[in-house]
Amino acid sequence: YRTSSGSAVYLQMKTMSPEDTAVY
């Protein structure tokens, strides 16, 4: 999701697993 201004975005990650390990 992003801010209303469109100048930032977020990635909320839940129920994470070792397979999610990476550089994002």
PDB file of all heavy atoms in Angstrom:
ATOM      1  N   TYR A   1       0.850  -1.185   0.000  1.00  0.00           N
ATOM      2  CA  TYR A   1       0.000   0.000   0.000  1.00  0.00           C
ATOM      3  C   TYR A   1       0.885   1.235   0.000  1.00  0.00           C
ATOM      4  O   TYR A   1       2.050   1.188   0.389  1.00  0.00           O
ATOM      5  CB  TYR A   1      -0.962   0.002   1.190  1.00  0.00           C
ATOM      6  CG  TYR A   1      -0.309  -0.037   2.551  1.00  0.00           C
ATOM      7  CD1 TYR A   1      -0.138   1.129   3.298  1.00  0.00           C
ATOM      8  CD2 TYR A   1       0.115  -1.247   3.096  1.00  0.00           C
ATOM      9  CE1 TYR A   1       0.446   1.084   4.545  1.00  0.00           C
ATOM     10  CE2 TYR A   1       0.714  -1.295   4.341  1.00  0.00           C
ATOM     11  CZ  TYR A   1       0.864  -0.132   5.078  1.00  0.00           C
ATOM     12  OH  TYR A   1       1.457  -0.164   6.310  1.00  0.00           O
ATOM     13  N   ARG A   2       0.288   2.338  -0.417  1.00  0.00           N
ATOM     14  CA  ARG A   2       1.074   3.553  -0.545  1.00  0.00           C
ATOM     15  C   ARG A   2       0.428   4.670   0.277  1.00  0.00           C
ATOM     16  O   ARG A   2      -0.719   4.573   0.700  1.00  0.00           O
ATOM     17  CB  ARG A   2       1.129   3.981  -1.998  1.00  0.00           C
ATOM     18  CG  ARG A   2      -0.214   4.398  -2.562  1.00  0.00           C
ATOM     19  CD  ARG A   2      -0.061   5.297  -3.770  1.00  0.00           C
ATOM     20  NE  ARG A   2      -1.267   6.069  -4.020  1.00  0.00           N
ATOM     21  CZ  ARG A   2      -1.311   7.138  -4.783  1.00  0.00           C
ATOM     22  NH1 ARG A   2      -0.221   7.567  -5.367  1.00  0.00           N
ATOM     23  NH2 ARG A   2      -2.432   7.797  -4.960  1.00  0.00           N
ATOM     24  N   THR A   3       1.162   5.736   0.455  1.00  0.00           N
ATOM     25  CA  THR A   3       0.607   6.913   1.104  1.00  0.00           C
ATOM     26  C   THR A   3      -0.268   7.664   0.109  1.00  0.00           C
ATOM     27  O   THR A   3      -0.133   7.491  -1.102  1.00  0.00           O
ATOM     28  CB  THR A   3       1.729   7.839   1.592  1.00  0.00           C
ATOM     29  OG1 THR A   3       2.520   8.230   0.462  1.00  0.00           O
ATOM     30  CG2 THR A   3       2.612   7.130   2.603  1.00  0.00           C
ATOM     31  N   SER A   4      -1.154   8.516   0.606  1.00  0.00           N
ATOM     32  CA  SER A   4      -2.053   9.262  -0.269  1.00  0.00           C
ATOM     33  C   SER A   4      -1.293  10.202  -1.188  1.00  0.00           C
ATOM     34  O   SER A   4      -1.733  10.512  -2.288  1.00  0.00           O
ATOM     35  CB  SER A   4      -3.076  10.052   0.547  1.00  0.00           C
ATOM     36  OG  SER A   4      -2.401  10.941   1.437  1.00  0.00           O
ATOM     37  N   SER A   5      -0.108  10.626  -0.760  1.00  0.00           N
ATOM     38  CA  SER A   5       0.690  11.521  -1.597  1.00  0.00           C
ATOM     39  C   SER A   5       1.395  10.770  -2.713  1.00  0.00           C
ATOM     40  O   SER A   5       1.878  11.380  -3.674  1.00  0.00           O
ATOM     41  CB  SER A   5       1.742  12.247  -0.751  1.00  0.00           C
ATOM     42  OG  SER A   5       2.692  11.328  -0.246  1.00  0.00           O
ATOM     43  N   GLY A   6       1.471   9.448  -2.579  1.00  0.00           N
ATOM     44  CA  GLY A   6       2.134   8.648  -3.609  1.00  0.00           C
ATOM     45  C   GLY A   6       3.630   8.678  -3.536  1.00  0.00           C
ATOM     46  O   GLY A   6       4.309   8.193  -4.436  1.00  0.00           O
ATOM     47  N   SER A   7       4.184   9.245  -2.464  1.00  0.00           N
ATOM     48  CA  SER A   7       5.632   9.350  -2.373  1.00  0.00           C
ATOM     49  C   SER A   7       6.254   8.278  -1.496  1.00  0.00           C
ATOM     50  O   SER A   7       7.461   8.319  -1.238  1.00  0.00           O
ATOM     51  CB  SER A   7       6.019  10.735  -1.837  1.00  0.00           C
ATOM     52  OG  SER A   7       5.487  10.913  -0.542  1.00  0.00           O
ATOM     53  N   ALA A   8       5.459   7.349  -1.023  1.00  0.00           N
ATOM     54  CA  ALA A   8       5.997   6.248  -0.237  1.00  0.00           C
ATOM     55  C   ALA A   8       5.117   5.026  -0.425  1.00  0.00           C
ATOM     56  O   ALA A   8       3.913   5.137  -0.677  1.00  0.00           O
ATOM     57  CB  ALA A   8       6.085   6.616   1.247  1.00  0.00           C
ATOM     58  N   VAL A   9       5.743   3.880  -0.319  1.00  0.00           N
ATOM     59  CA  VAL A   9       5.011   2.628  -0.417  1.00  0.00           C
ATOM     60  C   VAL A   9       5.504   1.705   0.676  1.00  0.00           C
ATOM     61  O   VAL A   9       6.669   1.772   1.088  1.00  0.00           O
ATOM     62  CB  VAL A   9       5.174   1.991  -1.814  1.00  0.00           C
ATOM     63  CG1 VAL A   9       6.595   1.501  -2.039  1.00  0.00           C
ATOM     64  CG2 VAL A   9       4.185   0.864  -2.016  1.00  0.00           C
ATOM     65  N   TYR A  10       4.617   0.854   1.164  1.00  0.00           N
ATOM     66  CA  TYR A  10       4.941  -0.057   2.234  1.00  0.00           C
ATOM     67  C   TYR A  10       4.649  -1.490   1.812  1.00  0.00           C
ATOM     68  O   TYR A  10       3.789  -1.733   0.971  1.00  0.00           O
ATOM     69  CB  TYR A  10       4.125   0.278   3.482  1.00  0.00           C
ATOM     70  CG  TYR A  10       4.317   1.694   3.952  1.00  0.00           C
ATOM     71  CD1 TYR A  10       3.461   2.707   3.514  1.00  0.00           C
ATOM     72  CD2 TYR A  10       5.352   2.023   4.813  1.00  0.00           C
ATOM     73  CE1 TYR A  10       3.642   4.016   3.928  1.00  0.00           C
ATOM     74  CE2 TYR A  10       5.541   3.332   5.237  1.00  0.00           C
ATOM     75  CZ  TYR A  10       4.688   4.324   4.790  1.00  0.00           C
ATOM     76  OH  TYR A  10       4.875   5.618   5.202  1.00  0.00           O
ATOM     77  N   LEU A  11       5.367  -2.387   2.417  1.00  0.00           N
ATOM     78  CA  LEU A  11       5.108  -3.812   2.213  1.00  0.00           C
ATOM     79  C   LEU A  11       4.963  -4.441   3.589  1.00  0.00           C
ATOM     80  O   LEU A  11       5.942  -4.599   4.316  1.00  0.00           O
ATOM     81  CB  LEU A  11       6.236  -4.480   1.437  1.00  0.00           C
ATOM     82  CG  LEU A  11       6.016  -5.951   1.099  1.00  0.00           C
ATOM     83  CD1 LEU A  11       4.858  -6.101   0.091  1.00  0.00           C
ATOM     84  CD2 LEU A  11       7.283  -6.593   0.531  1.00  0.00           C
ATOM     85  N   GLN A  12       3.729  -4.762   3.942  1.00  0.00           N
ATOM     86  CA  GLN A  12       3.464  -5.433   5.205  1.00  0.00           C
ATOM     87  C   GLN A  12       3.557  -6.941   4.972  1.00  0.00           C
ATOM     88  O   GLN A  12       2.825  -7.481   4.150  1.00  0.00           O
ATOM     89  CB  GLN A  12       2.083  -5.073   5.732  1.00  0.00           C
ATOM     90  CG  GLN A  12       1.712  -5.774   7.026  1.00  0.00           C
ATOM     91  CD  GLN A  12       2.571  -5.331   8.189  1.00  0.00           C
ATOM     92  OE1 GLN A  12       2.660  -4.141   8.488  1.00  0.00           O
ATOM     93  NE2 GLN A  12       3.209  -6.286   8.860  1.00  0.00           N
ATOM     94  N   MET A  13       4.464  -7.591   5.690  1.00  0.00           N
ATOM     95  CA  MET A  13       4.695  -9.017   5.507  1.00  0.00           C
ATOM     96  C   MET A  13       4.302  -9.757   6.770  1.00  0.00           C
ATOM     97  O   MET A  13       4.744  -9.402   7.863  1.00  0.00           O
ATOM     98  CB  MET A  13       6.170  -9.271   5.173  1.00  0.00           C
ATOM     99  CG  MET A  13       6.654  -8.486   3.955  1.00  0.00           C
ATOM    100  SD  MET A  13       8.372  -8.820   3.519  1.00  0.00           S
ATOM    101  CE  MET A  13       9.217  -7.987   4.855  1.00  0.00           C
ATOM    102  N   LYS A  14       3.474 -10.780   6.624  1.00  0.00           N
ATOM    103  CA  LYS A  14       3.016 -11.568   7.756  1.00  0.00           C
ATOM    104  C   LYS A  14       3.245 -13.048   7.479  1.00  0.00           C
ATOM    105  O   LYS A  14       3.453 -13.451   6.340  1.00  0.00           O
ATOM    106  CB  LYS A  14       1.538 -11.299   8.025  1.00  0.00           C
ATOM    107  CG  LYS A  14       1.203  -9.873   8.387  1.00  0.00           C
ATOM    108  CD  LYS A  14      -0.282  -9.695   8.662  1.00  0.00           C
ATOM    109  CE  LYS A  14      -0.606  -8.256   9.053  1.00  0.00           C
ATOM    110  NZ  LYS A  14      -2.061  -8.062   9.327  1.00  0.00           N
ATOM    111  N   THR A  15       3.186 -13.839   8.536  1.00  0.00           N
ATOM    112  CA  THR A  15       3.369 -15.283   8.425  1.00  0.00           C
ATOM    113  C   THR A  15       4.589 -15.596   7.555  1.00  0.00           C
ATOM    114  O   THR A  15       4.519 -16.380   6.600  1.00  0.00           O
ATOM    115  CB  THR A  15       2.101 -15.943   7.834  1.00  0.00           C
ATOM    116  OG1 THR A  15       0.931 -15.351   8.372  1.00  0.00           O
ATOM    117  CG2 THR A  15       2.086 -17.433   8.171  1.00  0.00           C
ATOM    118  N   MET A  16       5.667 -15.009   7.919  1.00  0.00           N
ATOM    119  CA  MET A  16       6.868 -15.128   7.099  1.00  0.00           C
ATOM    120  C   MET A  16       7.539 -16.481   7.291  1.00  0.00           C
ATOM    121  O   MET A  16       7.412 -17.121   8.349  1.00  0.00           O
ATOM    122  CB  MET A  16       7.838 -14.001   7.424  1.00  0.00           C
ATOM    123  CG  MET A  16       7.251 -12.616   7.150  1.00  0.00           C
ATOM    124  SD  MET A  16       8.394 -11.286   7.439  1.00  0.00           S
ATOM    125  CE  MET A  16       9.517 -11.521   6.054  1.00  0.00           C
ATOM    126  N   SER A  17       8.229 -16.900   6.253  1.00  0.00           N
ATOM    127  CA  SER A  17       8.941 -18.179   6.284  1.00  0.00           C
ATOM    128  C   SER A  17      10.380 -17.954   5.827  1.00  0.00           C
ATOM    129  O   SER A  17      10.701 -16.919   5.228  1.00  0.00           O
ATOM    130  CB  SER A  17       8.251 -19.185   5.374  1.00  0.00           C
ATOM    131  OG  SER A  17       8.457 -18.832   4.014  1.00  0.00           O
ATOM    132  N   PRO A  18      11.277 -18.908   6.099  1.00  0.00           N
ATOM    133  CA  PRO A  18      12.667 -18.769   5.648  1.00  0.00           C
ATOM    134  C   PRO A  18      12.787 -18.544   4.145  1.00  0.00           C
ATOM    135  O   PRO A  18      13.766 -17.930   3.694  1.00  0.00           O
ATOM    136  CB  PRO A  18      13.296 -20.097   6.074  1.00  0.00           C
ATOM    137  CG  PRO A  18      12.515 -20.482   7.287  1.00  0.00           C
ATOM    138  CD  PRO A  18      11.114 -20.071   6.983  1.00  0.00           C
ATOM    139  N   GLU A  19      11.809 -19.005   3.383  1.00  0.00           N
ATOM    140  CA  GLU A  19      11.836 -18.797   1.937  1.00  0.00           C
ATOM    141  C   GLU A  19      11.664 -17.329   1.559  1.00  0.00           C
ATOM    142  O   GLU A  19      11.896 -16.956   0.405  1.00  0.00           O
ATOM    143  CB  GLU A  19      10.749 -19.631   1.256  1.00  0.00           C
ATOM    144  CG  GLU A  19      11.021 -21.135   1.226  1.00  0.00           C
ATOM    145  CD  GLU A  19      10.918 -21.779   2.590  1.00  0.00           C
ATOM    146  OE1 GLU A  19      10.075 -21.324   3.399  1.00  0.00           O
ATOM    147  OE2 GLU A  19      11.681 -22.734   2.851  1.00  0.00           O
ATOM    148  N   ASP A  20      11.254 -16.511   2.493  1.00  0.00           N
ATOM    149  CA  ASP A  20      11.117 -15.074   2.233  1.00  0.00           C
ATOM    150  C   ASP A  20      12.437 -14.324   2.425  1.00  0.00           C
ATOM    151  O   ASP A  20      12.504 -13.116   2.177  1.00  0.00           O
ATOM    152  CB  ASP A  20      10.063 -14.464   3.154  1.00  0.00           C
ATOM    153  CG  ASP A  20       8.671 -15.009   2.890  1.00  0.00           C
ATOM    154  OD1 ASP A  20       8.314 -15.175   1.704  1.00  0.00           O
ATOM    155  OD2 ASP A  20       7.945 -15.279   3.868  1.00  0.00           O
ATOM    156  N   THR A  21      13.454 -15.017   2.869  1.00  0.00           N
ATOM    157  CA  THR A  21      14.755 -14.389   3.066  1.00  0.00           C
ATOM    158  C   THR A  21      15.327 -13.914   1.742  1.00  0.00           C
ATOM    159  O   THR A  21      15.456 -14.690   0.790  1.00  0.00           O
ATOM    160  CB  THR A  21      15.728 -15.383   3.720  1.00  0.00           C
ATOM    161  OG1 THR A  21      15.260 -15.694   5.033  1.00  0.00           O
ATOM    162  CG2 THR A  21      17.122 -14.791   3.812  1.00  0.00           C
ATOM    163  N   ALA A  22      15.651 -12.634   1.683  1.00  0.00           N
ATOM    164  CA  ALA A  22      16.156 -12.052   0.444  1.00  0.00           C
ATOM    165  C   ALA A  22      16.495 -10.582   0.682  1.00  0.00           C
ATOM    166  O   ALA A  22      16.159 -10.024   1.731  1.00  0.00           O
ATOM    167  CB  ALA A  22      15.119 -12.158  -0.669  1.00  0.00           C
ATOM    168  N   VAL A  23      17.117  -9.985  -0.298  1.00  0.00           N
ATOM    169  CA  VAL A  23      17.236  -8.532  -0.333  1.00  0.00           C
ATOM    170  C   VAL A  23      16.002  -8.018  -1.068  1.00  0.00           C
ATOM    171  O   VAL A  23      15.709  -8.465  -2.180  1.00  0.00           O
ATOM    172  CB  VAL A  23      18.516  -8.066  -1.045  1.00  0.00           C
ATOM    173  CG1 VAL A  23      18.552  -6.549  -1.128  1.00  0.00           C
ATOM    174  CG2 VAL A  23      19.747  -8.602  -0.311  1.00  0.00           C
ATOM    175  N   TYR A  24      15.306  -7.109  -0.447  1.00  0.00           N
ATOM    176  CA  TYR A  24      14.074  -6.565  -1.012  1.00  0.00           C
ATOM    177  C   TYR A  24      14.359  -5.195  -1.619  1.00  0.00           C
ATOM    178  O   TYR A  24      14.936  -4.320  -0.963  1.00  0.00           O
ATOM    179  CB  TYR A  24      12.993  -6.458   0.060  1.00  0.00           C
ATOM    180  CG  TYR A  24      12.372  -7.790   0.386  1.00  0.00           C
ATOM    181  CD1 TYR A  24      13.101  -8.782   1.055  1.00  0.00           C
ATOM    182  CD2 TYR A  24      11.069  -8.093  -0.001  1.00  0.00           C
ATOM    183  CE1 TYR A  24      12.551 -10.009   1.330  1.00  0.00           C
ATOM    184  CE2 TYR A  24      10.492  -9.330   0.278  1.00  0.00           C
ATOM    185  CZ  TYR A  24      11.243 -10.284   0.945  1.00  0.00           C
ATOM    186  OH  TYR A  24      10.691 -11.512   1.220  1.00  0.00           O
TER     187      TYR A  24
END
